[in-house]
Protein backbone atom coordinates (compact mmCIF):
# COMPACT_ATOMS: atom_id res chain seq x y z
CA MET A 1 41.55 -15.39 -23.50
CA VAL A 2 37.87 -14.57 -23.02
CA SER A 3 35.65 -15.98 -25.74
CA THR A 4 33.56 -13.53 -27.78
CA SER A 5 31.25 -16.21 -29.12
CA PRO A 6 27.55 -16.05 -28.21
CA PRO A 7 26.73 -17.60 -24.84
CA LYS A 8 25.74 -21.23 -24.96
CA GLU A 9 23.45 -23.15 -22.64
CA ILE A 10 24.14 -26.21 -20.53
CA GLN A 11 22.15 -29.28 -21.60
CA SER A 12 19.46 -27.20 -23.21
CA ASN A 13 18.67 -29.53 -26.11
CA GLY A 14 17.91 -26.49 -28.21
CA LYS A 15 15.09 -25.33 -25.96
CA TRP A 16 16.81 -22.14 -24.78
CA ALA A 17 18.22 -20.89 -28.07
CA GLU A 18 19.01 -17.17 -28.05
CA GLY A 19 16.45 -16.46 -30.74
CA ASP A 20 13.71 -18.24 -28.85
CA SER A 21 10.92 -16.32 -27.15
CA ASN A 22 12.18 -17.56 -23.77
CA ARG A 23 15.14 -15.16 -24.14
CA ARG A 24 13.16 -11.99 -24.79
CA ALA A 25 12.29 -10.90 -21.26
CA LYS A 26 12.83 -7.28 -20.20
CA TRP A 27 14.67 -6.20 -17.08
CA TRP A 28 11.48 -5.23 -15.29
CA TYR A 29 10.17 -8.79 -15.69
CA SER A 30 12.84 -9.79 -13.16
CA THR A 31 11.57 -7.08 -10.81
CA PHE A 32 8.03 -8.33 -10.47
CA HIS A 33 9.01 -12.02 -10.63
CA THR A 34 11.37 -11.39 -7.70
CA VAL A 35 8.81 -9.31 -5.80
CA THR A 36 6.25 -12.06 -6.30
CA VAL A 37 8.42 -14.77 -4.76
CA MET A 38 9.97 -12.62 -2.02
CA ILE A 39 7.00 -10.71 -0.63
CA GLY A 40 4.76 -13.57 0.34
CA ALA A 41 1.96 -13.85 2.84
CA GLY A 42 4.68 -14.48 5.45
CA VAL A 43 5.26 -10.72 5.60
CA LEU A 44 2.08 -10.55 7.67
CA SER A 45 3.83 -12.50 10.45
CA LEU A 46 6.68 -10.02 10.85
CA PRO A 47 5.04 -7.99 13.68
CA TYR A 48 4.60 -11.29 15.56
CA ALA A 49 8.34 -12.01 15.16
CA MET A 50 9.17 -8.47 16.30
CA ALA A 51 7.09 -9.04 19.43
CA TYR A 52 9.38 -11.95 20.37
CA LEU A 53 12.65 -10.18 19.56
CA GLY A 54 11.91 -6.63 20.64
CA TRP A 55 12.89 -3.38 18.92
CA GLY A 56 16.68 -3.72 18.97
CA PRO A 57 17.27 -7.37 18.01
CA GLY A 58 14.22 -7.42 15.74
CA THR A 59 15.35 -4.42 13.71
CA MET A 60 18.91 -5.76 13.50
CA VAL A 61 17.77 -9.18 12.24
CA LEU A 62 15.46 -7.54 9.69
CA VAL A 63 18.26 -5.34 8.29
CA LEU A 64 20.85 -8.14 8.29
CA SER A 65 18.53 -10.59 6.52
CA TRP A 66 17.70 -7.99 3.87
CA CYS A 67 21.40 -7.29 3.23
CA MET A 68 22.36 -10.97 3.18
CA THR A 69 19.67 -11.95 0.70
CA LEU A 70 20.56 -9.00 -1.54
CA ASN A 71 24.20 -10.15 -1.51
CA THR A 72 23.12 -13.72 -2.30
CA MET A 73 21.05 -12.45 -5.21
CA TRP A 74 24.07 -10.54 -6.55
CA GLN A 75 26.24 -13.65 -6.34
CA MET A 76 23.70 -15.80 -8.21
CA ILE A 77 23.44 -13.19 -10.95
CA GLN A 78 27.23 -13.21 -11.38
CA LEU A 79 27.36 -17.02 -11.49
CA HIS A 80 24.83 -17.25 -14.32
CA GLU A 81 27.57 -16.48 -16.86
CA CYS A 82 30.69 -17.11 -14.75
CA VAL A 83 32.13 -19.34 -17.50
CA PRO A 84 32.75 -17.34 -20.70
CA GLY A 85 30.40 -18.43 -23.45
CA THR A 86 28.18 -20.49 -21.15
CA ARG A 87 24.86 -19.72 -19.44
CA PHE A 88 23.76 -21.75 -16.42
CA ASP A 89 19.99 -21.57 -16.80
CA ARG A 90 19.12 -23.75 -13.82
CA TYR A 91 20.51 -24.37 -10.36
CA ILE A 92 21.11 -28.01 -11.21
CA ASP A 93 23.31 -26.98 -14.17
CA LEU A 94 25.40 -24.75 -11.91
CA GLY A 95 25.56 -27.48 -9.27
CA ARG A 96 26.81 -30.04 -11.77
CA TYR A 97 29.48 -27.63 -12.96
CA ALA A 98 30.62 -26.94 -9.39
CA PHE A 99 30.40 -30.44 -7.87
CA GLY A 100 30.39 -32.82 -10.82
CA GLN A 101 27.71 -34.38 -13.00
CA LYS A 102 26.32 -36.83 -10.43
CA LEU A 103 27.14 -35.24 -7.07
CA GLY A 104 25.97 -31.81 -8.21
CA GLY A 105 22.49 -33.09 -8.94
CA TRP A 106 22.21 -34.81 -5.58
CA ILE A 107 23.37 -31.71 -3.71
CA VAL A 108 21.24 -29.11 -5.50
CA LEU A 109 18.08 -30.79 -6.72
CA PRO A 110 16.64 -32.11 -3.40
CA GLN A 111 17.06 -28.72 -1.70
CA GLN A 112 15.51 -26.84 -4.61
CA LEU A 113 12.54 -29.19 -4.88
CA ILE A 114 11.88 -29.11 -1.13
CA VAL A 115 11.64 -25.32 -1.23
CA GLN A 116 9.69 -24.96 -4.47
CA VAL A 117 7.24 -27.83 -4.00
CA GLY A 118 6.85 -27.01 -0.31
CA CYS A 119 6.06 -23.37 -1.07
CA ASP A 120 3.51 -24.40 -3.69
CA ILE A 121 1.74 -26.64 -1.18
CA VAL A 122 1.69 -23.84 1.40
CA TYR A 123 0.38 -21.40 -1.22
CA MET A 124 -2.40 -23.82 -2.14
CA VAL A 125 -3.50 -24.08 1.50
CA THR A 126 -3.16 -20.31 2.06
CA GLY A 127 -5.15 -19.55 -1.09
CA GLY A 128 -7.95 -21.88 0.01
CA LYS A 129 -8.07 -20.37 3.51
CA CYS A 130 -8.23 -16.81 2.17
CA LEU A 131 -10.96 -17.72 -0.32
CA LYS A 132 -12.98 -19.18 2.54
CA LYS A 133 -12.44 -16.07 4.70
CA LEU A 134 -13.35 -13.82 1.78
CA MET A 135 -16.67 -15.62 1.24
CA GLU A 136 -17.49 -15.57 4.95
CA ILE A 137 -17.13 -11.77 4.97
CA ALA A 138 -18.70 -11.09 1.57
CA CYS A 139 -21.72 -13.35 2.08
CA ALA A 140 -22.28 -14.09 5.75
CA SER A 141 -25.76 -15.52 5.09
CA CYS A 142 -24.59 -17.97 2.42
CA THR A 143 -24.07 -21.65 3.09
CA GLN A 144 -20.38 -21.95 3.85
CA LEU A 145 -18.26 -24.58 2.09
CA ARG A 146 -15.68 -26.60 3.97
CA GLN A 147 -12.09 -25.45 3.68
CA SER A 148 -11.08 -28.54 1.70
CA TYR A 149 -13.45 -27.45 -1.08
CA TRP A 150 -11.89 -23.98 -1.23
CA ILE A 151 -8.42 -25.52 -1.51
CA LEU A 152 -9.75 -27.67 -4.34
CA ILE A 153 -11.16 -24.57 -6.07
CA PHE A 154 -7.81 -22.83 -5.71
CA GLY A 155 -6.06 -25.87 -7.15
CA GLY A 156 -8.52 -25.95 -10.04
CA ILE A 157 -7.36 -22.48 -11.08
CA HIS A 158 -3.85 -23.85 -11.49
CA PHE A 159 -4.92 -26.73 -13.70
CA PHE A 160 -5.52 -23.99 -16.28
CA LEU A 161 -2.72 -21.51 -15.45
CA SER A 162 -0.13 -24.29 -15.37
CA GLN A 163 -0.56 -24.86 -19.09
CA LEU A 164 1.12 -21.51 -19.82
CA PRO A 165 4.44 -22.54 -21.40
CA ASN A 166 7.14 -20.46 -19.69
CA PHE A 167 8.10 -17.59 -17.36
CA ASN A 168 7.36 -14.93 -19.96
CA SER A 169 3.82 -16.23 -20.44
CA VAL A 170 3.04 -15.82 -16.72
CA ALA A 171 4.45 -12.27 -16.64
CA GLY A 172 0.97 -10.76 -16.39
CA VAL A 173 -0.02 -13.08 -13.54
CA SER A 174 3.26 -12.34 -11.77
CA LEU A 175 2.79 -8.58 -12.19
CA ALA A 176 -0.69 -8.79 -10.68
CA ALA A 177 0.72 -10.84 -7.80
CA ALA A 178 3.48 -8.29 -7.18
CA ILE A 179 0.93 -5.46 -7.09
CA MET A 180 -1.18 -7.43 -4.63
CA SER A 181 1.89 -7.96 -2.44
CA LEU A 182 2.31 -4.21 -2.19
CA SER A 183 -1.40 -3.66 -1.62
CA TYR A 184 -2.04 -6.06 1.25
CA SER A 185 1.28 -5.12 2.87
CA THR A 186 0.12 -1.49 2.80
CA ILE A 187 -3.20 -2.47 4.38
CA ALA A 188 -1.32 -4.33 7.11
CA TRP A 189 0.69 -1.34 8.27
CA ALA A 190 -1.62 1.51 7.33
CA SER A 191 -4.76 0.13 8.97
CA CYS A 192 17.26 -17.19 -3.97
CA LEU A 193 15.81 -19.76 -5.40
CA ILE A 194 14.68 -18.97 -8.91
CA ALA A 195 17.20 -16.28 -9.76
CA LEU A 196 18.93 -18.36 -12.44
CA GLU A 197 15.66 -19.38 -14.09
CA ILE A 198 14.51 -15.76 -14.23
CA GLN A 199 17.86 -14.61 -15.63
CA ALA A 200 17.66 -17.38 -18.24
CA THR A 201 14.75 -15.55 -19.90
CA ILE A 202 16.80 -12.37 -20.47
CA PRO A 203 18.85 -12.01 -23.69
CA SER A 204 22.63 -11.83 -23.30
CA THR A 205 25.43 -10.68 -25.61
CA PRO A 206 29.17 -10.14 -25.02
CA GLU A 207 28.52 -6.38 -25.18
CA ARG A 208 25.56 -6.49 -22.78
CA PRO A 209 25.53 -9.62 -20.60
CA SER A 210 22.29 -10.58 -18.87
CA LYS A 211 23.69 -9.75 -15.42
CA ILE A 212 23.35 -6.02 -16.18
CA PRO A 213 19.56 -5.85 -16.76
CA ILE A 214 18.67 -8.47 -14.14
CA TRP A 215 20.71 -6.68 -11.46
CA LYS A 216 18.82 -3.52 -12.34
CA GLY A 217 15.57 -5.42 -11.86
CA ALA A 218 16.79 -7.04 -8.65
CA VAL A 219 17.67 -3.68 -7.08
CA GLY A 220 14.17 -2.45 -7.89
CA ALA A 221 12.67 -5.59 -6.38
CA TYR A 222 14.68 -5.26 -3.17
CA PHE A 223 13.67 -1.62 -2.83
CA ILE A 224 10.02 -2.69 -3.07
CA ASN A 225 10.78 -5.49 -0.64
CA ALA A 226 12.13 -2.98 1.89
CA ILE A 227 9.10 -0.67 1.71
CA CYS A 228 6.86 -3.69 2.37
CA TYR A 229 8.78 -5.57 5.07
CA PHE A 230 10.04 -2.75 7.28
CA PRO A 231 6.77 -0.80 7.70
CA VAL A 232 4.71 -3.97 8.26
CA ALA A 233 7.13 -5.28 10.89
CA MET A 234 7.72 -2.02 12.75
CA ILE A 235 4.38 -0.24 12.52
CA GLY A 236 2.49 -3.48 13.12
CA TYR A 237 4.49 -4.11 16.29
CA TRP A 238 4.24 -0.46 17.38
CA ALA A 239 0.45 -0.42 16.95
CA LEU A 240 -0.42 -3.83 18.40
CA GLY A 241 2.46 -4.59 20.75
CA GLN A 242 2.91 -7.98 22.40
CA ASP A 243 -0.69 -9.00 21.64
CA VAL A 244 -0.21 -9.06 17.87
CA ASP A 245 -1.49 -12.16 16.08
CA ASP A 246 0.77 -14.37 13.95
CA ASN A 247 -1.16 -12.96 10.96
CA VAL A 248 -1.50 -9.22 11.48
CA LEU A 249 -4.57 -9.09 9.22
CA MET A 250 -6.45 -11.23 11.73
CA ALA A 251 -6.06 -8.43 14.28
CA LEU A 252 -8.02 -6.08 12.04
CA LYS A 253 -11.74 -6.48 12.69
CA ARG A 254 -13.19 -3.64 10.65
CA PRO A 255 -14.01 -2.27 8.24
CA ALA A 256 -15.13 -5.58 6.79
CA TRP A 257 -14.63 -4.47 3.19
CA LEU A 258 -10.96 -3.74 3.89
CA ILE A 259 -10.34 -7.16 5.44
CA ALA A 260 -12.17 -8.83 2.54
CA SER A 261 -10.06 -6.84 0.06
CA ALA A 262 -6.85 -7.88 1.81
CA ASN A 263 -7.81 -11.55 1.66
CA LEU A 264 -8.61 -11.20 -2.05
CA MET A 265 -5.20 -9.62 -2.60
CA VAL A 266 -3.52 -12.52 -0.81
CA VAL A 267 -5.39 -14.95 -3.08
CA VAL A 268 -4.22 -13.14 -6.23
CA HIS A 269 -0.67 -13.00 -4.88
CA VAL A 270 -0.40 -16.70 -4.04
CA ILE A 271 -1.84 -17.59 -7.46
CA GLY A 272 1.07 -15.76 -9.08
CA SER A 273 3.64 -17.05 -6.58
CA TYR A 274 2.51 -20.63 -7.16
CA GLN A 275 3.18 -20.33 -10.88
CA VAL A 276 6.57 -18.65 -10.47
CA TYR A 277 7.78 -21.36 -8.08
CA ALA A 278 6.28 -24.15 -10.19
CA MET A 279 7.80 -23.17 -13.55
CA PRO A 280 11.30 -24.60 -12.82
CA VAL A 281 9.67 -27.82 -11.57
CA PHE A 282 7.57 -28.05 -14.73
CA ASP A 283 10.72 -27.66 -16.82
CA LEU A 284 12.47 -30.42 -14.87
CA LEU A 285 9.54 -32.84 -15.17
CA GLU A 286 9.13 -32.22 -18.88
CA ARG A 287 12.85 -32.73 -19.56
CA ILE A 288 12.73 -36.04 -17.66
CA MET A 289 9.66 -37.19 -19.61
CA ALA A 290 11.23 -36.22 -22.93
CA LYS A 291 14.64 -37.73 -22.19
CA ARG A 292 13.74 -40.96 -20.42
CA LEU A 293 10.34 -41.77 -21.88
CA ASN A 294 10.86 -40.23 -25.33
CA PHE A 295 7.73 -38.17 -24.84
CA PRO A 296 7.41 -35.60 -27.68
CA PRO A 297 7.41 -31.94 -26.51
CA GLY A 298 4.13 -30.13 -26.89
CA ILE A 299 0.71 -29.51 -25.39
CA ALA A 300 0.15 -33.17 -24.45
CA LEU A 301 3.37 -33.27 -22.43
CA ARG A 302 2.47 -30.05 -20.61
CA LEU A 303 -1.06 -31.23 -19.91
CA ILE A 304 0.05 -34.53 -18.38
CA THR A 305 3.05 -33.40 -16.32
CA ARG A 306 1.68 -30.11 -15.06
CA SER A 307 -1.78 -31.40 -14.23
CA ALA A 308 -0.19 -34.30 -12.33
CA TYR A 309 1.97 -31.84 -10.38
CA VAL A 310 -0.99 -29.68 -9.37
CA GLY A 311 -2.90 -32.80 -8.34
CA GLU A 312 0.06 -33.97 -6.27
CA ASP A 313 0.19 -30.61 -4.49
CA TYR A 314 -3.50 -30.89 -3.64
CA LEU A 315 -3.00 -34.37 -2.17
CA PHE A 316 -0.04 -33.24 -0.07
CA SER A 317 -2.05 -30.29 1.24
CA TYR A 318 -4.48 -32.77 2.85
CA PRO A 319 -3.00 -32.58 6.40
CA TRP A 320 -3.84 -28.85 6.45
CA LYS A 321 -7.42 -29.23 5.28
CA THR A 322 -9.02 -28.47 8.62
CA GLU A 323 -12.77 -28.47 8.34
CA SER A 324 -13.41 -25.36 10.44
């Protein structure tokens, strides 16, 4: 018999109670969170990939990858409440249910951290590079700072943004990032790893489970994804051919204001993407600190763990700090 009791959370320690603000997200929050993490600066390399594959194989791979990731997203949404009365808010919770308490953590957590921490490091380097390029265009006569300083400036922004408590509190940043994704993708052609954490912010009842509104948001996000990826890949390859650069924006030389605007949009986008990828890691670190070190939840815990994480990302970005 299917339980009609309110959904419960796995190992939540009361943090994810249904009445809590973390459960009050709207369906469209999932749309721009998903757009933010899916449509990254990597979209600008799609014409370069098309140049290697050609029209036939390139188009086929693009369509297949879009369909496969949409199917994966659907499966993750269904698994969030696959056990009646239970909500798996994090990948590690679902992994422990599927593979056991110990083995599940070892299978899921390393893969998730590699992707999320790795993406944050890449975003930090990308943000610093685009800030440097933006200043070179906007003020050619100014004394130019080394790239390592721009990466440090980008990281400094996150020392402040990382203190925002949860996914809902970064909704505005994520929305701005999603808009910037659309904008610089449009410039390019005209000139799942946090699904559970996103779904965890949406309220769920037996009458209206969370999979209904988040799927609605996911479909919207994938539609936006399609109108960004396909035109950039195909029109970029059609216009520039085999000589396209691995970043299609670098092939655009003028007007200067348009190139500067595109770099600014990339900066805003990676700021939002950094926060969306970092939030699950923040949650993990804070739970470890509270459980193993008896650290009381609050501002002090956020300040220590999140600032340390941003600092760690900056240190690991060192190999990419070329001084050009």
